[in-house]
Amino acid sequence: MLHAGEIQALQLAQELNADLLLTDDTAARLAAKTLQVSAHGTLGVLLRAIRRRQRTPEKILNVLHELPTRSTLYIKRELLNEIIRQVEELS
């Protein structure tokens, strides 16, 4: 279920024809896909930074390892571990 802020963000992204909507909410990302709005969450942004060579895999690994204790973002441990493994293969 989308909350008011997510609905407003989706509406604004459509109005502005935005290139990207940043959201960690699964329902909002699914709604964005339906509306043909590109959406990424925190993990997607971090991986994109590596692909664009804006950050090194080592720096992103530091961020990923600190996420559970330095952020209120909830990521399933299994998913986080998989992303860490993928980034480790790049370094």
N, C-alpha and C. Protein backbone atom coordinates (compact mmCIF):
# COMPACT_ATOMS: atom_id res chain seq x y z
N MET A 1 0.84 -1.18 0.00
CA MET A 1 0.00 0.00 0.00
C MET A 1 0.88 1.24 0.00
N LEU A 2 0.57 2.16 -0.85
CA LEU A 2 1.33 3.40 -0.95
C LEU A 2 0.84 4.41 0.07
N HIS A 3 1.79 5.12 0.65
CA HIS A 3 1.47 6.20 1.57
C HIS A 3 1.38 7.51 0.79
N ALA A 4 0.89 8.54 1.43
CA ALA A 4 0.67 9.83 0.76
C ALA A 4 1.96 10.37 0.14
N GLY A 5 3.07 10.27 0.84
CA GLY A 5 4.34 10.80 0.32
C GLY A 5 4.80 10.06 -0.93
N GLU A 6 4.60 8.77 -0.95
CA GLU A 6 5.00 7.98 -2.13
C GLU A 6 4.10 8.31 -3.32
N ILE A 7 2.82 8.49 -3.06
CA ILE A 7 1.88 8.86 -4.12
C ILE A 7 2.27 10.22 -4.71
N GLN A 8 2.59 11.16 -3.85
CA GLN A 8 3.00 12.49 -4.30
C GLN A 8 4.30 12.43 -5.10
N ALA A 9 5.25 11.61 -4.64
CA ALA A 9 6.52 11.47 -5.35
C ALA A 9 6.30 10.89 -6.74
N LEU A 10 5.42 9.90 -6.85
CA LEU A 10 5.11 9.30 -8.15
C LEU A 10 4.43 10.32 -9.07
N GLN A 11 3.50 11.08 -8.53
CA GLN A 11 2.81 12.10 -9.33
C GLN A 11 3.80 13.14 -9.82
N LEU A 12 4.68 13.57 -8.95
CA LEU A 12 5.67 14.58 -9.32
C LEU A 12 6.64 14.04 -10.37
N ALA A 13 7.06 12.80 -10.21
CA ALA A 13 7.96 12.18 -11.19
C ALA A 13 7.30 12.15 -12.57
N GLN A 14 6.01 11.85 -12.61
CA GLN A 14 5.30 11.84 -13.88
C GLN A 14 5.16 13.26 -14.45
N GLU A 15 4.78 14.20 -13.60
CA GLU A 15 4.60 15.58 -14.05
C GLU A 15 5.88 16.15 -14.63
N LEU A 16 7.00 15.85 -13.97
CA LEU A 16 8.29 16.40 -14.40
C LEU A 16 8.98 15.54 -15.44
N ASN A 17 8.34 14.41 -15.78
CA ASN A 17 8.96 13.45 -16.70
C ASN A 17 10.37 13.12 -16.20
N ALA A 18 10.46 12.82 -14.92
CA ALA A 18 11.74 12.57 -14.26
C ALA A 18 12.44 11.34 -14.84
N ASP A 19 13.76 11.39 -14.87
CA ASP A 19 14.55 10.26 -15.34
C ASP A 19 14.56 9.13 -14.33
N LEU A 20 14.42 9.48 -13.05
CA LEU A 20 14.59 8.48 -12.01
C LEU A 20 13.85 8.89 -10.74
N LEU A 21 13.21 7.91 -10.11
CA LEU A 21 12.58 8.10 -8.81
C LEU A 21 13.37 7.29 -7.80
N LEU A 22 13.81 7.91 -6.74
CA LEU A 22 14.54 7.22 -5.69
C LEU A 22 13.58 6.84 -4.58
N THR A 23 13.47 5.54 -4.33
CA THR A 23 12.61 5.05 -3.26
C THR A 23 13.04 3.66 -2.83
N ASP A 24 13.00 3.40 -1.55
CA ASP A 24 13.30 2.07 -1.04
C ASP A 24 12.03 1.28 -0.76
N ASP A 25 10.90 1.85 -1.06
CA ASP A 25 9.63 1.18 -0.82
C ASP A 25 9.28 0.29 -2.01
N THR A 26 9.09 -0.99 -1.76
CA THR A 26 8.81 -1.95 -2.82
C THR A 26 7.52 -1.61 -3.56
N ALA A 27 6.49 -1.27 -2.83
CA ALA A 27 5.21 -0.93 -3.47
C ALA A 27 5.36 0.29 -4.39
N ALA A 28 6.15 1.26 -3.96
CA ALA A 28 6.36 2.46 -4.78
C ALA A 28 7.15 2.12 -6.04
N ARG A 29 8.13 1.22 -5.92
CA ARG A 29 8.90 0.82 -7.11
C ARG A 29 8.01 0.07 -8.10
N LEU A 30 7.13 -0.79 -7.59
CA LEU A 30 6.20 -1.52 -8.46
C LEU A 30 5.22 -0.56 -9.14
N ALA A 31 4.73 0.41 -8.39
CA ALA A 31 3.82 1.40 -8.96
C ALA A 31 4.55 2.23 -10.02
N ALA A 32 5.80 2.58 -9.76
CA ALA A 32 6.58 3.35 -10.73
C ALA A 32 6.74 2.56 -12.03
N LYS A 33 7.00 1.27 -11.89
CA LYS A 33 7.15 0.43 -13.08
C LYS A 33 5.86 0.43 -13.90
N THR A 34 4.74 0.32 -13.22
CA THR A 34 3.44 0.35 -13.89
C THR A 34 3.24 1.68 -14.63
N LEU A 35 3.73 2.76 -14.03
CA LEU A 35 3.59 4.09 -14.62
C LEU A 35 4.72 4.41 -15.60
N GLN A 36 5.59 3.45 -15.83
CA GLN A 36 6.75 3.61 -16.70
C GLN A 36 7.69 4.71 -16.22
N VAL A 37 7.87 4.77 -14.91
CA VAL A 37 8.83 5.68 -14.28
C VAL A 37 9.96 4.81 -13.75
N SER A 38 11.18 5.13 -14.13
CA SER A 38 12.33 4.37 -13.65
C SER A 38 12.53 4.66 -12.17
N ALA A 39 12.71 3.61 -11.38
CA ALA A 39 12.88 3.78 -9.92
C ALA A 39 14.01 2.90 -9.42
N HIS A 40 14.78 3.44 -8.49
CA HIS A 40 15.87 2.69 -7.86
C HIS A 40 15.84 2.97 -6.36
N GLY A 41 16.32 1.98 -5.63
CA GLY A 41 16.47 2.14 -4.19
C GLY A 41 17.93 2.35 -3.85
N THR A 42 18.23 2.32 -2.57
CA THR A 42 19.58 2.54 -2.09
C THR A 42 20.59 1.59 -2.72
N LEU A 43 20.26 0.30 -2.76
CA LEU A 43 21.20 -0.67 -3.31
C LEU A 43 21.45 -0.40 -4.79
N GLY A 44 20.42 -0.06 -5.51
CA GLY A 44 20.59 0.25 -6.93
C GLY A 44 21.48 1.45 -7.16
N VAL A 45 21.33 2.46 -6.33
CA VAL A 45 22.15 3.67 -6.44
C VAL A 45 23.62 3.33 -6.16
N LEU A 46 23.85 2.52 -5.14
CA LEU A 46 25.22 2.14 -4.80
C LEU A 46 25.87 1.34 -5.92
N LEU A 47 25.14 0.39 -6.49
CA LEU A 47 25.68 -0.41 -7.58
C LEU A 47 25.91 0.45 -8.83
N ARG A 48 25.02 1.38 -9.06
CA ARG A 48 25.18 2.29 -10.20
C ARG A 48 26.45 3.14 -10.04
N ALA A 49 26.75 3.54 -8.82
CA ALA A 49 27.96 4.34 -8.58
C ALA A 49 29.22 3.56 -8.96
N ILE A 50 29.20 2.26 -8.75
CA ILE A 50 30.35 1.44 -9.16
C ILE A 50 30.40 1.38 -10.68
N ARG A 51 29.28 1.07 -11.31
CA ARG A 51 29.25 0.95 -12.78
C ARG A 51 29.69 2.23 -13.46
N ARG A 52 29.33 3.36 -12.88
CA ARG A 52 29.69 4.66 -13.47
C ARG A 52 31.08 5.13 -13.01
N ARG A 53 31.74 4.30 -12.23
CA ARG A 53 33.08 4.62 -11.71
C ARG A 53 33.10 5.90 -10.87
N GLN A 54 31.98 6.14 -10.19
CA GLN A 54 31.90 7.28 -9.29
C GLN A 54 32.41 6.90 -7.90
N ARG A 55 32.35 5.61 -7.59
CA ARG A 55 32.87 5.07 -6.33
C ARG A 55 33.53 3.73 -6.63
N THR A 56 34.53 3.40 -5.84
CA THR A 56 35.20 2.11 -6.02
C THR A 56 34.39 1.02 -5.32
N PRO A 57 34.56 -0.22 -5.78
CA PRO A 57 33.88 -1.31 -5.08
C PRO A 57 34.23 -1.36 -3.59
N GLU A 58 35.47 -1.03 -3.27
CA GLU A 58 35.90 -1.06 -1.86
C GLU A 58 35.13 -0.05 -1.03
N LYS A 59 34.92 1.15 -1.56
CA LYS A 59 34.15 2.16 -0.82
C LYS A 59 32.70 1.74 -0.65
N ILE A 60 32.14 1.14 -1.70
CA ILE A 60 30.75 0.68 -1.62
C ILE A 60 30.63 -0.48 -0.64
N LEU A 61 31.63 -1.35 -0.60
CA LEU A 61 31.61 -2.44 0.40
C LEU A 61 31.56 -1.88 1.81
N ASN A 62 32.32 -0.82 2.06
CA ASN A 62 32.29 -0.19 3.39
C ASN A 62 30.88 0.29 3.73
N VAL A 63 30.24 0.94 2.76
CA VAL A 63 28.87 1.43 2.97
C VAL A 63 27.92 0.26 3.23
N LEU A 64 28.03 -0.78 2.41
CA LEU A 64 27.13 -1.92 2.56
C LEU A 64 27.29 -2.60 3.92
N HIS A 65 28.51 -2.73 4.38
CA HIS A 65 28.74 -3.36 5.68
C HIS A 65 28.21 -2.50 6.83
N GLU A 66 28.18 -1.17 6.63
CA GLU A 66 27.72 -0.27 7.69
C GLU A 66 26.21 -0.04 7.68
N LEU A 67 25.54 -0.38 6.58
CA LEU A 67 24.11 -0.10 6.47
C LEU A 67 23.28 -0.60 7.66
N PRO A 68 23.46 -1.84 8.11
CA PRO A 68 22.59 -2.32 9.20
C PRO A 68 22.72 -1.54 10.51
N THR A 69 23.88 -0.95 10.76
CA THR A 69 24.08 -0.27 12.04
C THR A 69 24.03 1.25 11.93
N ARG A 70 24.21 1.78 10.73
CA ARG A 70 24.28 3.24 10.58
C ARG A 70 23.08 3.81 9.84
N SER A 71 22.09 2.98 9.56
CA SER A 71 20.93 3.43 8.81
C SER A 71 19.66 2.80 9.40
N THR A 72 18.55 3.46 9.16
CA THR A 72 17.26 2.89 9.56
C THR A 72 16.65 2.09 8.42
N LEU A 73 17.34 2.02 7.29
CA LEU A 73 16.86 1.27 6.14
C LEU A 73 16.85 -0.21 6.45
N TYR A 74 15.73 -0.85 6.21
CA TYR A 74 15.64 -2.29 6.44
C TYR A 74 15.91 -3.01 5.12
N ILE A 75 16.91 -3.85 5.12
CA ILE A 75 17.23 -4.71 3.98
C ILE A 75 17.37 -6.11 4.54
N LYS A 76 16.71 -7.07 3.90
CA LYS A 76 16.85 -8.45 4.35
C LYS A 76 18.32 -8.83 4.33
N ARG A 77 18.76 -9.46 5.39
CA ARG A 77 20.17 -9.83 5.51
C ARG A 77 20.63 -10.69 4.33
N GLU A 78 19.77 -11.58 3.88
CA GLU A 78 20.10 -12.45 2.75
C GLU A 78 20.37 -11.63 1.48
N LEU A 79 19.55 -10.63 1.22
CA LEU A 79 19.74 -9.77 0.05
C LEU A 79 21.03 -8.96 0.20
N LEU A 80 21.23 -8.39 1.37
CA LEU A 80 22.44 -7.60 1.61
C LEU A 80 23.69 -8.45 1.41
N ASN A 81 23.68 -9.66 1.92
CA ASN A 81 24.84 -10.55 1.76
C ASN A 81 25.09 -10.87 0.29
N GLU A 82 24.02 -11.05 -0.48
CA GLU A 82 24.18 -11.33 -1.91
C GLU A 82 24.80 -10.14 -2.64
N ILE A 83 24.34 -8.94 -2.32
CA ILE A 83 24.90 -7.73 -2.94
C ILE A 83 26.36 -7.58 -2.55
N ILE A 84 26.68 -7.83 -1.29
CA ILE A 84 28.08 -7.76 -0.84
C ILE A 84 28.93 -8.74 -1.63
N ARG A 85 28.46 -9.95 -1.82
CA ARG A 85 29.21 -10.95 -2.61
C ARG A 85 29.45 -10.46 -4.03
N GLN A 86 28.42 -9.87 -4.63
CA GLN A 86 28.56 -9.38 -5.99
C GLN A 86 29.62 -8.26 -6.08
N VAL A 87 29.60 -7.36 -5.11
CA VAL A 87 30.56 -6.26 -5.11
C VAL A 87 31.97 -6.77 -4.82
N GLU A 88 32.08 -7.75 -3.94
CA GLU A 88 33.40 -8.34 -3.65
C GLU A 88 34.02 -8.93 -4.92
N GLU A 89 33.21 -9.50 -5.78
CA GLU A 89 33.72 -10.07 -7.03
C GLU A 89 34.26 -8.99 -7.96
N LEU A 90 33.81 -7.76 -7.80
CA LEU A 90 34.28 -6.66 -8.63
C LEU A 90 35.59 -6.06 -8.13
N SER A 91 35.90 -6.30 -6.86
CA SER A 91 37.10 -5.66 -6.29
C SER A 91 38.32 -6.51 -6.40
